[in-house]
Amino acid sequence: MHRSRLTAIAVDVPPEHHEREVAFWSGALGGRPERDEDGTYVTVGRAGRLEVFVQRIGEARSRIHLDVETDDVEAEVARLEALGAERVERVRSWWVMRDPAGLLFCVVPPQSNDFPAGAATWGGDPA
């Protein structure tokens, strides 16, 4: 049995657009930018319960992706594969995946202080 929930919306941009995106999305959402140690990930606000962050990527193509947090990454990846997703790349403790339409998303360990509040429970005996 494991739990998962949608936790974040990521705006992925190449380095030359990173700071403009941080300024734009923090202004649009009324947030105050919060940077990680090297400035790759910058939280710019919230959309309800979801964190919104701007991520500097090495690719030239900008995109938005979703993060699913779970207390069992491998079980959640397997569950989503059964629904039609594909593994793309393992990155440290999480997986980049592709949904049936080809859109990227990530399956990550718990990122939120309140996890598992609002998470769905999968597998095992529900009793």
N, C-alpha and C. Protein backbone atom coordinates (compact mmCIF):
# COMPACT_ATOMS: atom_id res chain seq x y z
N MET A 1 0.85 -1.17 0.00
CA MET A 1 0.00 0.00 0.00
C MET A 1 0.90 1.24 0.00
N HIS A 2 0.53 2.21 -0.82
CA HIS A 2 1.26 3.49 -0.81
C HIS A 2 0.28 4.63 -1.07
N ARG A 3 0.76 5.84 -0.89
CA ARG A 3 -0.06 7.03 -1.07
C ARG A 3 0.61 7.97 -2.07
N SER A 4 -0.20 8.76 -2.77
CA SER A 4 0.34 9.76 -3.68
C SER A 4 -0.66 10.89 -3.87
N ARG A 5 -0.12 12.02 -4.31
CA ARG A 5 -0.95 13.17 -4.63
C ARG A 5 -0.15 14.13 -5.52
N LEU A 6 -0.87 14.95 -6.27
CA LEU A 6 -0.25 16.01 -7.04
C LEU A 6 0.29 17.04 -6.05
N THR A 7 1.53 17.48 -6.23
CA THR A 7 2.12 18.39 -5.26
C THR A 7 2.64 19.70 -5.84
N ALA A 8 3.04 19.70 -7.13
CA ALA A 8 3.67 20.93 -7.64
C ALA A 8 3.46 21.08 -9.14
N ILE A 9 3.55 22.34 -9.55
CA ILE A 9 3.57 22.72 -10.96
C ILE A 9 4.93 23.35 -11.21
N ALA A 10 5.67 22.80 -12.16
CA ALA A 10 7.01 23.31 -12.47
C ALA A 10 7.01 24.00 -13.82
N VAL A 11 7.64 25.16 -13.87
CA VAL A 11 7.86 25.88 -15.12
C VAL A 11 9.33 25.67 -15.45
N ASP A 12 9.59 24.84 -16.47
CA ASP A 12 10.96 24.50 -16.87
C ASP A 12 11.41 25.44 -17.97
N VAL A 13 12.54 26.11 -17.75
CA VAL A 13 13.03 27.07 -18.74
C VAL A 13 14.55 26.98 -18.87
N PRO A 14 15.08 27.31 -20.06
CA PRO A 14 16.53 27.35 -20.22
C PRO A 14 17.12 28.52 -19.44
N PRO A 15 18.42 28.46 -19.16
CA PRO A 15 19.07 29.48 -18.30
C PRO A 15 18.81 30.92 -18.72
N GLU A 16 18.78 31.20 -20.01
CA GLU A 16 18.63 32.59 -20.45
C GLU A 16 17.25 33.18 -20.13
N HIS A 17 16.28 32.35 -19.80
CA HIS A 17 14.94 32.84 -19.47
C HIS A 17 14.60 32.70 -17.99
N HIS A 18 15.48 32.08 -17.23
CA HIS A 18 15.18 31.71 -15.84
C HIS A 18 14.78 32.92 -14.98
N GLU A 19 15.59 33.94 -14.93
CA GLU A 19 15.31 35.07 -14.05
C GLU A 19 14.06 35.85 -14.47
N ARG A 20 13.83 35.97 -15.77
CA ARG A 20 12.60 36.64 -16.23
C ARG A 20 11.37 35.84 -15.84
N GLU A 21 11.45 34.52 -15.92
CA GLU A 21 10.33 33.66 -15.52
C GLU A 21 10.08 33.75 -14.02
N VAL A 22 11.15 33.76 -13.23
CA VAL A 22 11.00 33.90 -11.78
C VAL A 22 10.28 35.20 -11.47
N ALA A 23 10.72 36.29 -12.08
CA ALA A 23 10.09 37.60 -11.84
C ALA A 23 8.63 37.58 -12.29
N PHE A 24 8.37 37.01 -13.46
CA PHE A 24 7.01 36.99 -13.98
C PHE A 24 6.08 36.18 -13.08
N TRP A 25 6.45 34.91 -12.80
CA TRP A 25 5.54 34.05 -12.05
C TRP A 25 5.40 34.45 -10.60
N SER A 26 6.45 34.96 -9.98
CA SER A 26 6.28 35.44 -8.60
C SER A 26 5.37 36.66 -8.58
N GLY A 27 5.50 37.53 -9.58
CA GLY A 27 4.60 38.68 -9.68
C GLY A 27 3.17 38.26 -9.99
N ALA A 28 3.01 37.32 -10.90
CA ALA A 28 1.67 36.86 -11.28
C ALA A 28 0.95 36.19 -10.13
N LEU A 29 1.70 35.44 -9.30
CA LEU A 29 1.09 34.70 -8.20
C LEU A 29 1.17 35.44 -6.86
N GLY A 30 1.82 36.59 -6.85
CA GLY A 30 1.95 37.35 -5.61
C GLY A 30 2.87 36.68 -4.60
N GLY A 31 3.80 35.88 -5.09
CA GLY A 31 4.71 35.16 -4.21
C GLY A 31 6.05 35.85 -4.07
N ARG A 32 6.78 35.42 -3.08
CA ARG A 32 8.14 35.90 -2.87
C ARG A 32 9.08 34.76 -3.25
N PRO A 33 9.99 34.98 -4.22
CA PRO A 33 10.85 33.89 -4.68
C PRO A 33 11.68 33.29 -3.53
N GLU A 34 11.68 31.97 -3.48
CA GLU A 34 12.49 31.22 -2.51
C GLU A 34 13.37 30.27 -3.30
N ARG A 35 14.68 30.50 -3.26
CA ARG A 35 15.64 29.76 -4.08
C ARG A 35 16.26 28.60 -3.32
N ASP A 36 16.58 27.52 -4.06
CA ASP A 36 17.37 26.46 -3.46
C ASP A 36 18.83 26.91 -3.42
N GLU A 37 19.73 26.07 -2.97
CA GLU A 37 21.13 26.46 -2.77
C GLU A 37 21.80 27.02 -4.01
N ASP A 38 21.58 26.40 -5.17
CA ASP A 38 22.25 26.88 -6.38
C ASP A 38 21.34 27.70 -7.30
N GLY A 39 20.11 27.94 -6.87
CA GLY A 39 19.19 28.77 -7.65
C GLY A 39 18.53 28.06 -8.82
N THR A 40 18.69 26.74 -8.93
CA THR A 40 18.07 26.00 -10.02
C THR A 40 16.56 25.96 -9.86
N TYR A 41 16.10 25.72 -8.63
CA TYR A 41 14.67 25.66 -8.32
C TYR A 41 14.31 26.90 -7.53
N VAL A 42 13.30 27.62 -7.98
CA VAL A 42 12.85 28.81 -7.27
C VAL A 42 11.34 28.71 -7.10
N THR A 43 10.89 28.57 -5.86
CA THR A 43 9.46 28.58 -5.58
C THR A 43 8.98 30.01 -5.76
N VAL A 44 7.91 30.17 -6.56
CA VAL A 44 7.43 31.51 -6.89
C VAL A 44 6.03 31.78 -6.36
N GLY A 45 5.38 30.77 -5.78
CA GLY A 45 4.05 30.97 -5.24
C GLY A 45 3.31 29.65 -5.11
N ARG A 46 2.00 29.76 -4.91
CA ARG A 46 1.16 28.58 -4.75
C ARG A 46 -0.08 28.74 -5.62
N ALA A 47 -0.59 27.61 -6.04
CA ALA A 47 -1.88 27.53 -6.73
C ALA A 47 -2.72 26.61 -5.87
N GLY A 48 -3.47 27.18 -4.94
CA GLY A 48 -4.16 26.36 -3.95
C GLY A 48 -3.13 25.67 -3.07
N ARG A 49 -3.20 24.35 -2.99
CA ARG A 49 -2.26 23.58 -2.20
C ARG A 49 -0.97 23.29 -2.95
N LEU A 50 -0.94 23.53 -4.25
CA LEU A 50 0.20 23.18 -5.09
C LEU A 50 1.28 24.25 -5.08
N GLU A 51 2.51 23.81 -4.90
CA GLU A 51 3.66 24.69 -5.03
C GLU A 51 3.88 24.96 -6.52
N VAL A 52 4.24 26.19 -6.86
CA VAL A 52 4.62 26.53 -8.22
C VAL A 52 6.08 26.96 -8.17
N PHE A 53 6.91 26.30 -9.00
CA PHE A 53 8.32 26.68 -9.01
C PHE A 53 8.84 26.79 -10.43
N VAL A 54 9.88 27.62 -10.58
CA VAL A 54 10.57 27.77 -11.85
C VAL A 54 11.88 27.00 -11.73
N GLN A 55 12.14 26.16 -12.73
CA GLN A 55 13.32 25.30 -12.72
C GLN A 55 14.17 25.59 -13.95
N ARG A 56 15.44 25.83 -13.71
CA ARG A 56 16.39 26.05 -14.81
C ARG A 56 16.77 24.68 -15.38
N ILE A 57 16.58 24.50 -16.69
CA ILE A 57 16.94 23.24 -17.34
C ILE A 57 17.96 23.51 -18.43
N GLY A 58 18.63 22.48 -18.88
CA GLY A 58 19.66 22.63 -19.90
C GLY A 58 19.13 22.59 -21.32
N GLU A 59 17.86 22.30 -21.48
CA GLU A 59 17.28 22.21 -22.82
C GLU A 59 16.81 23.57 -23.30
N ALA A 60 16.73 23.72 -24.61
CA ALA A 60 16.32 25.00 -25.20
C ALA A 60 14.81 25.18 -25.18
N ARG A 61 14.06 24.12 -24.93
CA ARG A 61 12.60 24.17 -25.00
C ARG A 61 11.98 24.36 -23.62
N SER A 62 11.15 25.37 -23.46
CA SER A 62 10.44 25.60 -22.21
C SER A 62 9.20 24.71 -22.15
N ARG A 63 8.78 24.37 -20.94
CA ARG A 63 7.59 23.55 -20.77
C ARG A 63 7.11 23.69 -19.33
N ILE A 64 5.93 23.18 -19.08
CA ILE A 64 5.40 23.07 -17.73
C ILE A 64 5.22 21.59 -17.44
N HIS A 65 5.59 21.15 -16.24
CA HIS A 65 5.35 19.76 -15.88
C HIS A 65 4.78 19.69 -14.46
N LEU A 66 4.14 18.58 -14.15
CA LEU A 66 3.55 18.33 -12.84
C LEU A 66 4.44 17.40 -12.04
N ASP A 67 4.41 17.53 -10.72
CA ASP A 67 5.09 16.61 -9.82
C ASP A 67 4.05 15.87 -8.99
N VAL A 68 4.19 14.55 -8.92
CA VAL A 68 3.37 13.70 -8.07
C VAL A 68 4.28 13.25 -6.93
N GLU A 69 3.88 13.51 -5.69
CA GLU A 69 4.68 13.05 -4.56
C GLU A 69 4.07 11.78 -3.99
N THR A 70 4.93 10.90 -3.48
CA THR A 70 4.49 9.61 -2.99
C THR A 70 5.42 9.10 -1.91
N ASP A 71 4.89 8.25 -1.05
CA ASP A 71 5.73 7.64 -0.02
C ASP A 71 6.37 6.34 -0.51
N ASP A 72 6.15 5.96 -1.78
CA ASP A 72 6.80 4.79 -2.38
C ASP A 72 6.95 5.06 -3.87
N VAL A 73 8.09 5.64 -4.25
CA VAL A 73 8.31 6.05 -5.64
C VAL A 73 8.16 4.88 -6.60
N GLU A 74 8.79 3.74 -6.30
CA GLU A 74 8.74 2.61 -7.24
C GLU A 74 7.31 2.07 -7.41
N ALA A 75 6.55 2.00 -6.32
CA ALA A 75 5.17 1.52 -6.42
C ALA A 75 4.32 2.49 -7.24
N GLU A 76 4.51 3.79 -7.05
CA GLU A 76 3.73 4.77 -7.80
C GLU A 76 4.12 4.75 -9.27
N VAL A 77 5.41 4.62 -9.57
CA VAL A 77 5.86 4.53 -10.95
C VAL A 77 5.22 3.31 -11.63
N ALA A 78 5.24 2.18 -10.96
CA ALA A 78 4.64 0.96 -11.51
C ALA A 78 3.14 1.15 -11.73
N ARG A 79 2.45 1.79 -10.80
CA ARG A 79 1.01 2.04 -10.94
C ARG A 79 0.73 2.91 -12.16
N LEU A 80 1.54 3.96 -12.34
CA LEU A 80 1.34 4.86 -13.46
C LEU A 80 1.74 4.22 -14.79
N GLU A 81 2.74 3.34 -14.77
CA GLU A 81 3.07 2.58 -15.98
C GLU A 81 1.90 1.71 -16.41
N ALA A 82 1.23 1.10 -15.45
CA ALA A 82 0.06 0.26 -15.77
C ALA A 82 -1.06 1.08 -16.41
N LEU A 83 -1.07 2.39 -16.15
CA LEU A 83 -2.07 3.28 -16.73
C LEU A 83 -1.63 3.84 -18.09
N GLY A 84 -0.38 3.55 -18.50
CA GLY A 84 0.09 3.99 -19.80
C GLY A 84 1.28 4.92 -19.80
N ALA A 85 1.81 5.29 -18.64
CA ALA A 85 2.99 6.16 -18.58
C ALA A 85 4.25 5.35 -18.87
N GLU A 86 5.33 6.05 -19.23
CA GLU A 86 6.62 5.43 -19.49
C GLU A 86 7.70 6.11 -18.66
N ARG A 87 8.65 5.31 -18.19
CA ARG A 87 9.83 5.87 -17.50
C ARG A 87 10.72 6.53 -18.55
N VAL A 88 11.23 7.72 -18.21
CA VAL A 88 12.14 8.43 -19.10
C VAL A 88 13.54 8.43 -18.51
N GLU A 89 13.67 8.87 -17.25
CA GLU A 89 15.00 9.00 -16.65
C GLU A 89 14.89 9.01 -15.13
N ARG A 90 15.76 8.25 -14.49
CA ARG A 90 15.85 8.31 -13.03
C ARG A 90 16.80 9.45 -12.68
N VAL A 91 16.37 10.32 -11.76
CA VAL A 91 17.18 11.45 -11.30
C VAL A 91 17.22 11.36 -9.78
N ARG A 92 18.38 11.06 -9.24
CA ARG A 92 18.55 10.89 -7.79
C ARG A 92 17.44 10.00 -7.23
N SER A 93 16.51 10.55 -6.48
CA SER A 93 15.49 9.75 -5.80
C SER A 93 14.13 9.78 -6.49
N TRP A 94 14.05 10.31 -7.70
CA TRP A 94 12.75 10.38 -8.37
C TRP A 94 12.87 9.96 -9.83
N TRP A 95 11.71 9.84 -10.49
CA TRP A 95 11.63 9.47 -11.90
C TRP A 95 10.99 10.58 -12.72
N VAL A 96 11.59 10.88 -13.86
CA VAL A 96 10.93 11.66 -14.91
C VAL A 96 10.17 10.65 -15.74
N MET A 97 8.89 10.94 -15.99
CA MET A 97 8.05 10.02 -16.75
C MET A 97 7.36 10.77 -17.88
N ARG A 98 6.77 9.99 -18.79
CA ARG A 98 6.03 10.56 -19.91
C ARG A 98 4.62 9.96 -19.87
N ASP A 99 3.62 10.82 -19.94
CA ASP A 99 2.24 10.32 -19.94
C ASP A 99 1.87 9.82 -21.34
N PRO A 100 0.69 9.23 -21.53
CA PRO A 100 0.33 8.67 -22.84
C PRO A 100 0.35 9.68 -23.99
N ALA A 101 0.17 10.97 -23.70
CA ALA A 101 0.20 11.99 -24.75
C ALA A 101 1.60 12.52 -25.01
N GLY A 102 2.59 12.03 -24.24
CA GLY A 102 3.97 12.46 -24.43
C GLY A 102 4.42 13.58 -23.52
N LEU A 103 3.57 14.00 -22.58
CA LEU A 103 3.92 15.09 -21.67
C LEU A 103 4.74 14.54 -20.51
N LEU A 104 5.77 15.29 -20.12
CA LEU A 104 6.63 14.88 -19.02
C LEU A 104 6.02 15.25 -17.68
N PHE A 105 6.28 14.43 -16.67
CA PHE A 105 5.94 14.71 -15.29
C PHE A 105 6.94 13.97 -14.41
N CYS A 106 6.96 14.28 -13.13
CA CYS A 106 7.90 13.63 -12.22
C CYS A 106 7.16 12.93 -11.09
N VAL A 107 7.71 11.81 -10.65
CA VAL A 107 7.24 11.11 -9.46
C VAL A 107 8.36 11.25 -8.43
N VAL A 108 8.04 11.94 -7.33
CA VAL A 108 9.05 12.33 -6.35
C VAL A 108 8.68 11.83 -4.96
N PRO A 109 9.68 11.68 -4.08
CA PRO A 109 9.36 11.39 -2.68
C PRO A 109 8.63 12.58 -2.06
N PRO A 110 8.05 12.43 -0.88
CA PRO A 110 7.32 13.54 -0.27
C PRO A 110 8.14 14.84 -0.25
N GLN A 111 7.49 15.90 -0.71
CA GLN A 111 8.10 17.23 -0.78
C GLN A 111 7.43 18.21 0.18
N SER A 112 6.22 17.89 0.59
CA SER A 112 5.39 18.81 1.37
C SER A 112 5.43 18.45 2.84
N ASN A 113 5.39 19.46 3.68
CA ASN A 113 5.37 19.24 5.13
C ASN A 113 4.12 18.53 5.59
N ASP A 114 3.01 18.67 4.85
CA ASP A 114 1.76 18.06 5.30
C ASP A 114 1.43 16.73 4.63
N PHE A 115 2.36 16.18 3.84
CA PHE A 115 2.11 14.87 3.24
C PHE A 115 1.95 13.85 4.35
N PRO A 116 0.92 13.01 4.29
CA PRO A 116 0.06 12.59 3.20
C PRO A 116 -1.33 13.20 3.18
N ALA A 117 -1.55 14.34 3.84
CA ALA A 117 -2.89 14.94 3.83
C ALA A 117 -3.41 15.07 2.41
N GLY A 118 -4.59 14.58 2.15
CA GLY A 118 -5.21 14.67 0.85
C GLY A 118 -4.70 13.69 -0.18
N ALA A 119 -3.79 12.81 0.21
CA ALA A 119 -3.25 11.84 -0.75
C ALA A 119 -4.21 10.67 -0.91
N ALA A 120 -4.21 10.08 -2.09
CA ALA A 120 -4.98 8.85 -2.35
C ALA A 120 -4.14 7.67 -1.87
N THR A 121 -4.81 6.61 -1.44
CA THR A 121 -4.14 5.39 -1.01
C THR A 121 -4.36 4.33 -2.08
N TRP A 122 -3.28 3.64 -2.46
CA TRP A 122 -3.31 2.67 -3.54
C TRP A 122 -2.84 1.31 -3.04
N GLY A 123 -3.49 0.25 -3.50
CA GLY A 123 -3.08 -1.12 -3.19
C GLY A 123 -3.38 -1.51 -1.76
N GLY A 124 -3.13 -2.75 -1.47
CA GLY A 124 -3.34 -3.23 -0.11
C GLY A 124 -4.82 -3.38 0.22
N ASP A 125 -5.10 -3.77 1.42
CA ASP A 125 -6.47 -3.97 1.92
C ASP A 125 -6.99 -2.65 2.45
N PRO A 126 -8.06 -2.10 1.87
CA PRO A 126 -8.58 -0.80 2.33
C PRO A 126 -9.21 -0.86 3.71
N ALA A 127 -9.42 -2.04 4.26
CA ALA A 127 -10.09 -2.16 5.58
C ALA A 127 -9.18 -1.81 6.72
